[in-house]
Amino acid sequence: MHLKDFAKSGNPKTLFSAFLYFDISFMIWVMLGPLGNSITEDFKLSPTEKGIMVGLPLLTGSLLRLVLGPLADRIGGRNTALLGLSLTFIPLLLGGFAATLYEMVLIIGLLLGIAGASFAVALPMASRWYPPEQQGLVMGIAGAGNSGTVLASLFAPRLAEATGSWEVVFLLATIPLALTWVVVAALAKDAPGKPKPKGLQDYAVVLRQRDTLYFALMYSVTFGGFVGLATFLPIFFRDTYGLTKVEAGNFAALCVFAGSFIRPIGGYFADRFGGIRVLFFLYGLIGILALGVSNLPALAVETVLLTLLMTVLGAGNGSIFQIVPQRFPKEIGTITGIVGAAGGVGGFLLPFLLGGLKDATGSYSAGFLIYTLAAFGCVVLLSVARRGWQGTWLGTDGRALTAETTAPTHSTVPSAPPITPVVNPAVD
């Protein structure tokens, strides 16, 4: 695949809209993390309470993806995106006017999951405009909206300090949210050929496939690790190294920055060299870096390790979604919702694990060690899975099968005949 061919295909306006929708939604989704140090001071929270607070939006966001994904199949991605953006105003207004108790903050966190569910709408909305051999790059560009974590880490602590109130930050976030609503309404367009609405039986069919479990486990480590750390790092830096709230946000933003924007590159390299080959390398590197992080070295060294770790996690997110559309070309909305939900669950578990073990052991090291084992476990999982993938629905090393390749792909229905990759309609 050449970049000039990519530029001539698909629908760039919809791709940009999908990116912006995901970016601003992601920023709002993870806001409790960068604001966590200010909230902690007001409510005197323990490490476990901090982990629960920043993890709840990730959990509900993962579950709500299973709602917004099928809804997008019924009423269209554009309309679903506009609905999700509209509903996101609710937790922001509650955060600005009603966050007087820790329990209310938890309720707000639950509702912030609406923003996190944007993943199941934004990625299919962009993906359906592009052919299989471009899926890694297009899903990477749309998914690069996870750069919203950088915006949250940089601006939320500063705005809270400048205004003297973390509640005001929720109200200020309604401004970019409203602008995004206008952009999506004006530019986004659903691809021709409306997908068949998905019911519970469609999810059941996809869930019965072993590959679905593989994708879910792998994505819970990459995306779960990325979003879980992105929300928890401001708290981690303040607790471990005694930084101010703004300094902790700066260091978190530094660590998250590269990982936020490298997702398209990970997808592009997976398109070019094969997702399996790329993921083998990335998961091994994730395990090595997480092991180094668990030693809690000096601040400068820890920052370098975490920056590298977040970069590799971002590339891994893009690489996985080079493979997923090849396995389920006709069920991209369903599988995106399922795999995305698994990533959100992983994102919830990591802060909960780090906070809980900090309470139990007095250190964050144990939580990072468990994450290290999970990363190396994905290397083993890939070794098992690749034997059934290559030569059936994937080419060598995980490259996409194209019109020149005749090997069949799997159907989500075991009794159905083999199917070939679906080339989505391209619009100049």
Protein backbone atom coordinates (compact mmCIF):
# COMPACT_ATOMS: atom_id res chain seq x y z
CA MET A 1 0.00 0.00 0.00
CA HIS A 2 1.28 3.47 -0.95
CA LEU A 3 0.27 6.63 0.89
CA LYS A 4 -0.70 8.32 -2.40
CA ASP A 5 -3.25 5.56 -3.01
CA PHE A 6 -4.64 6.10 0.47
CA ALA A 7 -5.01 9.83 -0.14
CA LYS A 8 -7.13 9.18 -3.24
CA SER A 9 -9.55 6.74 -1.61
CA GLY A 10 -12.22 6.84 1.06
CA ASN A 11 -13.77 9.96 2.56
CA PRO A 12 -11.25 12.31 4.22
CA LYS A 13 -13.92 14.56 5.74
CA THR A 14 -15.54 11.65 7.53
CA LEU A 15 -12.13 10.36 8.61
CA PHE A 16 -11.30 13.76 10.12
CA SER A 17 -14.70 13.94 11.81
CA ALA A 18 -14.20 10.48 13.28
CA PHE A 19 -10.78 11.48 14.59
CA LEU A 20 -12.04 14.72 16.15
CA TYR A 21 -15.09 13.02 17.69
CA PHE A 22 -12.88 10.37 19.25
CA ASP A 23 -10.20 12.89 20.29
CA ILE A 24 -12.46 15.26 22.23
CA SER A 25 -14.52 12.40 23.63
CA PHE A 26 -11.33 10.70 24.79
CA MET A 27 -10.16 13.92 26.44
CA ILE A 28 -13.41 14.14 28.39
CA TRP A 29 -13.45 10.40 29.13
CA VAL A 30 -10.14 10.50 31.03
CA MET A 31 -10.56 13.88 32.76
CA LEU A 32 -10.83 12.40 36.24
CA GLY A 33 -7.24 11.19 35.97
CA PRO A 34 -5.54 14.59 35.51
CA LEU A 35 -8.00 16.13 37.98
CA GLY A 36 -7.51 13.24 40.40
CA ASN A 37 -4.84 14.95 42.50
CA SER A 38 -7.09 17.97 43.09
CA ILE A 39 -10.09 15.77 43.86
CA THR A 40 -7.97 13.66 46.20
CA GLU A 41 -7.04 16.73 48.26
CA ASP A 42 -10.69 17.66 48.70
CA PHE A 43 -11.94 14.20 49.64
CA LYS A 44 -8.76 12.67 51.22
CA LEU A 45 -8.81 9.54 49.06
CA SER A 46 -6.80 6.35 49.55
CA PRO A 47 -4.86 4.77 46.64
CA THR A 48 -7.66 2.24 46.15
CA GLU A 49 -10.29 5.00 46.05
CA LYS A 50 -8.17 6.88 43.51
CA GLY A 51 -7.92 3.77 41.33
CA ILE A 52 -11.68 3.20 41.45
CA MET A 53 -12.41 6.85 40.67
CA VAL A 54 -10.24 7.04 37.55
CA GLY A 55 -11.13 3.50 36.46
CA LEU A 56 -14.93 3.76 36.55
CA PRO A 57 -15.25 5.84 33.34
CA LEU A 58 -13.11 3.24 31.58
CA LEU A 59 -15.37 0.42 32.74
CA THR A 60 -18.67 2.04 31.78
CA GLY A 61 -17.17 3.30 28.53
CA SER A 62 -16.31 -0.28 27.61
CA LEU A 63 -19.81 -1.53 28.39
CA LEU A 64 -21.57 1.32 26.59
CA ARG A 65 -19.62 0.54 23.44
CA LEU A 66 -21.79 -2.56 23.17
CA VAL A 67 -24.77 -0.21 23.06
CA LEU A 68 -23.53 2.54 20.75
CA GLY A 69 -21.96 0.09 18.28
CA PRO A 70 -25.27 -1.63 17.36
CA LEU A 71 -27.08 1.72 17.54
CA ALA A 72 -24.72 3.06 14.87
CA ASP A 73 -25.72 0.14 12.64
CA ARG A 74 -29.39 1.08 13.07
CA ILE A 75 -29.39 4.87 12.81
CA GLY A 76 -25.99 5.50 11.23
CA GLY A 77 -22.60 6.42 12.63
CA ARG A 78 -23.10 10.15 12.14
CA ASN A 79 -26.40 10.27 14.04
CA THR A 80 -25.01 8.06 16.80
CA ALA A 81 -21.94 10.29 17.14
CA LEU A 82 -24.16 13.35 17.49
CA LEU A 83 -26.27 11.58 20.11
CA GLY A 84 -23.18 10.53 22.07
CA LEU A 85 -21.78 14.04 21.99
CA SER A 86 -25.12 15.45 23.17
CA LEU A 87 -25.34 13.02 26.11
CA THR A 88 -21.76 13.82 27.14
CA PHE A 89 -22.90 17.28 28.25
CA ILE A 90 -24.71 15.63 31.19
CA PRO A 91 -21.68 14.48 33.24
CA LEU A 92 -19.83 17.70 32.43
CA LEU A 93 -22.67 19.81 33.81
CA LEU A 94 -22.94 17.57 36.85
CA GLY A 95 -19.20 17.91 37.40
CA GLY A 96 -19.48 21.66 37.25
CA PHE A 97 -22.46 22.10 39.54
CA ALA A 98 -23.04 18.97 41.65
CA ALA A 99 -19.69 17.31 42.50
CA THR A 100 -19.85 17.95 46.25
CA LEU A 101 -19.30 14.37 47.46
CA TYR A 102 -16.95 11.54 46.47
CA GLU A 103 -20.00 9.41 45.70
CA MET A 104 -21.22 12.04 43.22
CA VAL A 105 -17.79 12.04 41.57
CA LEU A 106 -18.19 8.29 41.09
CA ILE A 107 -21.59 8.83 39.47
CA ILE A 108 -20.06 11.43 37.18
CA GLY A 109 -17.32 8.94 36.35
CA LEU A 110 -19.92 6.35 35.40
CA LEU A 111 -21.60 8.83 33.06
CA LEU A 112 -18.30 9.88 31.50
CA GLY A 113 -18.30 6.41 30.01
CA ILE A 114 -20.63 7.81 27.35
CA ALA A 115 -17.64 9.66 25.91
CA GLY A 116 -15.50 6.53 26.05
CA ALA A 117 -18.07 4.61 24.01
CA SER A 118 -17.21 6.85 21.04
CA PHE A 119 -14.63 4.24 20.02
CA ALA A 120 -17.35 1.86 18.81
CA VAL A 121 -18.81 4.58 16.58
CA ALA A 122 -15.82 6.57 15.32
CA LEU A 123 -13.70 3.67 14.07
CA PRO A 124 -16.41 1.83 12.07
CA MET A 125 -17.67 5.16 10.68
CA ALA A 126 -14.22 5.75 9.18
CA SER A 127 -13.38 2.13 8.41
CA ARG A 128 -16.36 1.46 6.16
CA TRP A 129 -15.10 3.98 3.59
CA TYR A 130 -11.76 2.19 2.99
CA PRO A 131 -10.57 -1.15 1.50
CA PRO A 132 -8.94 -3.98 3.54
CA GLU A 133 -5.35 -3.16 2.59
CA GLN A 134 -5.76 0.33 4.11
CA GLN A 135 -7.47 -0.68 7.35
CA GLY A 136 -4.37 -0.46 9.53
CA LEU A 137 -3.68 3.14 8.56
CA VAL A 138 -7.29 4.38 8.56
CA MET A 139 -8.08 2.73 11.89
CA GLY A 140 -4.85 4.18 13.22
CA ILE A 141 -5.75 7.71 12.12
CA ALA A 142 -9.26 7.54 13.58
CA GLY A 143 -7.93 5.82 16.68
CA ALA A 144 -5.26 8.49 17.13
CA GLY A 145 -8.05 10.35 18.86
CA ASN A 146 -6.65 8.78 22.00
CA SER A 147 -4.37 11.84 21.88
CA GLY A 148 -7.18 13.42 23.90
CA THR A 149 -5.31 12.08 26.90
CA VAL A 150 -2.52 14.58 26.18
CA LEU A 151 -4.99 17.45 26.10
CA ALA A 152 -6.52 16.35 29.39
CA SER A 153 -3.13 15.89 31.11
CA LEU A 154 -1.79 19.24 29.93
CA PHE A 155 -4.77 21.49 30.41
CA ALA A 156 -6.96 20.03 33.17
CA PRO A 157 -4.47 20.56 36.06
CA ARG A 158 -3.50 24.02 34.75
CA LEU A 159 -7.09 25.15 34.40
CA ALA A 160 -7.92 23.82 37.87
CA GLU A 161 -4.98 25.75 39.34
CA ALA A 162 -5.72 28.94 37.37
CA THR A 163 -9.41 29.01 38.32
CA GLY A 164 -8.94 27.61 41.82
CA SER A 165 -11.63 25.01 41.15
CA TRP A 166 -11.46 21.62 39.49
CA GLU A 167 -15.24 21.74 39.03
CA VAL A 168 -14.91 24.65 36.58
CA VAL A 169 -12.79 22.47 34.29
CA PHE A 170 -15.83 20.29 33.57
CA LEU A 171 -17.77 23.36 32.44
CA LEU A 172 -14.91 24.59 30.24
CA ALA A 173 -14.82 21.19 28.52
CA THR A 174 -18.30 21.84 27.12
CA ILE A 175 -16.77 24.38 24.69
CA PRO A 176 -14.69 21.93 22.59
CA LEU A 177 -17.51 19.41 22.94
CA ALA A 178 -19.97 21.83 21.32
CA LEU A 179 -17.50 22.68 18.52
CA THR A 180 -17.01 18.98 17.81
CA TRP A 181 -20.77 18.49 17.56
CA VAL A 182 -20.87 21.18 14.86
CA VAL A 183 -17.97 19.65 12.89
CA VAL A 184 -19.46 16.14 12.93
CA ALA A 185 -22.87 17.49 11.89
CA ALA A 186 -21.33 19.41 8.99
CA LEU A 187 -18.69 17.00 7.65
CA ALA A 188 -19.39 13.39 8.63
CA LYS A 189 -21.19 11.10 6.21
CA ASP A 190 -22.13 7.42 6.48
CA ALA A 191 -20.66 5.09 3.84
CA PRO A 192 -23.01 3.71 1.18
CA GLY A 193 -24.55 0.35 1.92
CA LYS A 194 -26.06 0.65 5.38
CA PRO A 195 -24.97 -2.34 7.51
CA LYS A 196 -27.55 -4.76 8.77
CA PRO A 197 -28.60 -3.81 12.34
CA LYS A 198 -27.03 -6.10 14.91
CA GLY A 199 -28.99 -7.96 17.54
CA LEU A 200 -27.93 -10.06 20.50
CA GLN A 201 -27.66 -13.09 18.24
CA ASP A 202 -25.06 -11.31 16.11
CA TYR A 203 -22.93 -10.65 19.18
CA ALA A 204 -23.41 -14.24 20.28
CA VAL A 205 -22.15 -15.55 16.94
CA VAL A 206 -19.03 -13.37 17.04
CA LEU A 207 -18.41 -14.06 20.73
CA ARG A 208 -18.38 -17.81 20.08
CA GLN A 209 -15.34 -17.43 17.84
CA ARG A 210 -12.04 -18.20 19.52
CA ASP A 211 -10.36 -15.38 17.62
CA THR A 212 -12.67 -12.89 19.32
CA LEU A 213 -11.24 -13.96 22.67
CA TYR A 214 -7.70 -13.64 21.34
CA PHE A 215 -8.33 -10.11 20.07
CA ALA A 216 -10.04 -9.13 23.32
CA LEU A 217 -7.16 -10.36 25.47
CA MET A 218 -4.53 -8.69 23.31
CA TYR A 219 -6.35 -5.38 23.18
CA SER A 220 -6.98 -5.38 26.92
CA VAL A 221 -3.19 -5.30 27.34
CA THR A 222 -2.38 -2.65 24.71
CA PHE A 223 -5.35 -0.27 24.81
CA GLY A 224 -6.16 -1.18 28.43
CA GLY A 225 -2.56 -0.48 29.37
CA PHE A 226 -2.50 2.77 27.42
CA VAL A 227 -5.73 4.28 28.70
CA GLY A 228 -5.31 2.87 32.21
CA LEU A 229 -1.86 4.41 32.57
CA ALA A 230 -2.89 7.64 30.82
CA THR A 231 -5.54 8.24 33.48
CA PHE A 232 -3.44 7.07 36.42
CA LEU A 233 -0.01 8.55 35.64
CA PRO A 234 -0.74 12.02 37.12
CA ILE A 235 -1.60 10.30 40.43
CA PHE A 236 1.37 7.91 40.09
CA PHE A 237 3.90 10.70 39.56
CA ARG A 238 2.57 12.77 42.46
CA ASP A 239 2.45 9.82 44.87
CA THR A 240 5.80 8.31 43.88
CA TYR A 241 7.96 11.36 43.19
CA GLY A 242 6.22 14.14 45.13
CA LEU A 243 5.56 16.38 42.12
CA THR A 244 3.08 19.24 42.16
CA LYS A 245 -0.28 18.68 40.46
CA VAL A 246 0.72 20.64 37.37
CA GLU A 247 4.16 18.97 37.22
CA ALA A 248 2.53 15.54 37.50
CA GLY A 249 0.22 16.47 34.63
CA ASN A 250 3.18 17.63 32.55
CA PHE A 251 5.10 14.42 33.07
CA ALA A 252 2.01 12.34 32.30
CA ALA A 253 1.41 14.33 29.10
CA LEU A 254 5.04 13.81 28.08
CA CYS A 255 4.72 10.05 28.53
CA VAL A 256 1.38 9.88 26.71
CA PHE A 257 2.19 12.19 23.80
CA ALA A 258 4.13 9.85 21.54
CA GLY A 259 1.85 6.91 22.21
CA SER A 260 -1.18 8.98 21.27
CA PHE A 261 0.01 9.83 17.79
CA ILE A 262 1.96 6.70 16.86
CA ARG A 263 -1.15 4.56 16.50
CA PRO A 264 -1.46 5.32 12.74
CA ILE A 265 2.22 4.43 12.32
CA GLY A 266 1.66 1.12 14.08
CA GLY A 267 -1.25 0.45 11.75
CA TYR A 268 0.78 1.45 8.70
CA PHE A 269 3.70 -0.85 9.60
CA ALA A 270 1.23 -3.67 10.26
CA ASP A 271 -0.24 -3.10 6.78
CA ARG A 272 3.26 -3.09 5.29
CA PHE A 273 5.04 -5.84 7.21
CA GLY A 274 2.19 -7.85 8.72
CA GLY A 275 0.32 -7.41 11.98
CA ILE A 276 1.51 -10.70 13.48
CA ARG A 277 5.18 -9.92 12.95
CA VAL A 278 4.79 -6.41 14.35
CA LEU A 279 2.78 -7.53 17.38
CA PHE A 280 5.31 -10.23 18.31
CA PHE A 281 7.97 -7.54 18.57
CA LEU A 282 5.73 -5.04 20.36
CA TYR A 283 4.42 -7.36 23.08
CA GLY A 284 7.93 -8.51 23.92
CA LEU A 285 9.04 -4.90 24.19
CA ILE A 286 6.01 -4.02 26.33
CA GLY A 287 6.96 -6.75 28.78
CA ILE A 288 10.59 -5.59 29.00
CA LEU A 289 9.66 -1.93 29.49
CA ALA A 290 6.95 -2.70 32.08
CA LEU A 291 9.50 -4.75 34.02
CA GLY A 292 11.83 -1.75 34.05
CA VAL A 293 9.01 0.55 35.19
CA SER A 294 8.18 -1.80 38.06
CA ASN A 295 11.60 -1.12 39.62
CA LEU A 296 10.55 2.53 40.19
CA PRO A 297 13.95 4.03 39.27
CA ALA A 298 14.86 7.74 39.43
CA LEU A 299 12.31 10.13 37.97
CA ALA A 300 14.26 10.80 34.76
CA VAL A 301 14.76 7.10 34.03
CA GLU A 302 11.16 6.25 34.93
CA THR A 303 9.90 8.98 32.62
CA VAL A 304 11.94 7.61 29.71
CA LEU A 305 10.72 4.07 30.35
CA LEU A 306 7.08 5.14 30.62
CA THR A 307 7.35 7.28 27.48
CA LEU A 308 8.73 4.32 25.56
CA LEU A 309 6.10 2.01 27.05
CA MET A 310 3.23 4.31 26.07
CA THR A 311 4.70 4.68 22.58
CA VAL A 312 4.83 0.93 22.08
CA LEU A 313 1.31 0.53 23.46
CA GLY A 314 0.04 3.11 20.98
CA ALA A 315 1.68 1.27 18.10
CA GLY A 316 0.20 -1.99 19.38
CA ASN A 317 -3.32 -0.55 19.35
CA GLY A 318 -2.97 0.34 15.68
CA SER A 319 -1.44 -3.03 14.80
CA ILE A 320 -4.26 -5.05 16.36
CA PHE A 321 -6.84 -3.16 14.37
CA GLN A 322 -4.99 -3.95 11.19
CA ILE A 323 -5.82 -7.61 11.84
CA VAL A 324 -9.34 -7.35 13.28
CA PRO A 325 -11.12 -6.12 10.10
CA GLN A 326 -9.50 -8.93 8.09
CA ARG A 327 -10.99 -11.59 10.34
CA PHE A 328 -14.45 -10.01 10.57
CA PRO A 329 -14.86 -7.91 7.39
CA LYS A 330 -18.68 -7.95 7.50
CA GLU A 331 -18.99 -7.55 11.27
CA ILE A 332 -16.66 -4.64 11.84
CA GLY A 333 -19.16 -2.74 14.00
CA THR A 334 -19.85 -5.74 16.21
CA ILE A 335 -16.23 -6.82 16.64
CA THR A 336 -15.05 -3.25 17.22
CA GLY A 337 -17.57 -2.93 20.04
CA ILE A 338 -16.54 -6.22 21.62
CA VAL A 339 -12.78 -5.74 21.34
CA GLY A 340 -13.05 -2.09 22.33
CA ALA A 341 -15.06 -3.11 25.38
CA ALA A 342 -12.33 -5.54 26.37
CA GLY A 343 -9.78 -2.74 26.07
CA GLY A 344 -11.87 -0.55 28.35
CA VAL A 345 -12.18 -3.33 30.92
CA GLY A 346 -8.40 -3.69 30.86
CA GLY A 347 -8.13 0.06 31.36
CA PHE A 348 -10.35 -0.17 34.44
CA LEU A 349 -8.50 -3.13 35.93
CA LEU A 350 -5.03 -1.58 35.69
CA PRO A 351 -5.67 1.53 37.88
CA PHE A 352 -7.70 -0.63 40.28
CA LEU A 353 -4.82 -3.11 40.43
CA LEU A 354 -2.18 -0.42 40.92
CA GLY A 355 -4.16 1.39 43.62
CA GLY A 356 -5.22 -1.77 45.45
CA LEU A 357 -1.71 -3.23 45.54
CA LYS A 358 -0.30 0.14 46.60
CA ASP A 359 -2.61 -0.02 49.63
CA ALA A 360 -1.63 -3.64 50.29
CA THR A 361 2.14 -3.43 49.71
CA GLY A 362 2.97 0.28 49.98
CA SER A 363 4.37 0.33 46.43
CA TYR A 364 3.17 0.40 42.82
CA SER A 365 5.79 -2.19 41.83
CA ALA A 366 3.57 -5.25 42.26
CA GLY A 367 0.93 -3.90 39.91
CA PHE A 368 3.48 -3.27 37.16
CA LEU A 369 4.93 -6.75 37.62
CA ILE A 370 1.53 -8.34 37.02
CA TYR A 371 1.13 -6.21 33.91
CA THR A 372 4.54 -7.43 32.74
CA LEU A 373 3.35 -11.03 32.94
CA ALA A 374 0.23 -10.14 30.95
CA ALA A 375 2.35 -8.68 28.14
CA PHE A 376 4.56 -11.76 27.88
CA GLY A 377 1.39 -13.86 27.97
CA CYS A 378 0.28 -12.15 24.75
CA VAL A 379 3.48 -13.33 23.05
CA VAL A 380 2.50 -16.90 23.90
CA LEU A 381 -1.07 -16.29 22.75
CA LEU A 382 0.12 -15.00 19.37
CA SER A 383 2.34 -18.04 18.95
CA VAL A 384 -0.71 -20.27 19.38
CA ALA A 385 -3.07 -18.20 17.24
CA ARG A 386 -0.87 -17.53 14.21
CA ARG A 387 -0.98 -21.16 13.05
CA GLY A 388 -4.70 -20.89 12.37
CA TRP A 389 -4.56 -17.39 10.95
CA GLN A 390 -1.87 -17.39 8.27
CA GLY A 391 -2.94 -18.76 4.93
CA THR A 392 -6.64 -18.79 5.80
CA TRP A 393 -7.88 -15.25 6.36
CA LEU A 394 -4.48 -13.57 6.70
CA GLY A 395 -1.43 -13.54 4.49
CA THR A 396 2.16 -14.15 5.53
CA ASP A 397 3.08 -12.54 8.86
CA GLY A 398 -0.41 -11.06 9.10
CA ARG A 399 -0.60 -9.03 5.90
CA ALA A 400 -4.06 -8.42 4.46
CA LEU A 401 -5.35 -10.65 1.72
CA THR A 402 -6.13 -8.62 -1.39
CA ALA A 403 -7.92 -9.25 -4.67
CA GLU A 404 -4.75 -10.87 -5.99
CA THR A 405 -4.79 -13.39 -3.13
CA THR A 406 -7.25 -16.22 -3.32
CA ALA A 407 -6.95 -17.80 0.13
CA PRO A 408 -10.34 -17.81 1.86
CA THR A 409 -11.23 -15.99 5.04
CA HIS A 410 -13.24 -17.24 7.98
CA SER A 411 -16.92 -16.50 8.33
CA THR A 412 -18.34 -15.68 11.72
CA VAL A 413 -20.89 -18.41 11.13
CA PRO A 414 -19.09 -21.76 11.36
CA SER A 415 -21.41 -23.52 8.93
CA ALA A 416 -21.21 -20.79 6.28
CA PRO A 417 -18.97 -21.14 3.20
CA PRO A 418 -15.66 -19.26 3.17
CA ILE A 419 -15.82 -15.61 2.26
CA THR A 420 -13.31 -13.26 0.67
CA PRO A 421 -12.34 -9.86 2.03
CA VAL A 422 -14.90 -7.15 1.37
CA VAL A 423 -13.56 -4.05 -0.35
CA ASN A 424 -15.47 -1.11 1.00
CA PRO A 425 -16.68 1.50 -1.50
CA ALA A 426 -14.24 4.29 -2.11
CA VAL A 427 -15.34 7.86 -2.70
CA ASP A 428 -13.05 10.56 -4.11
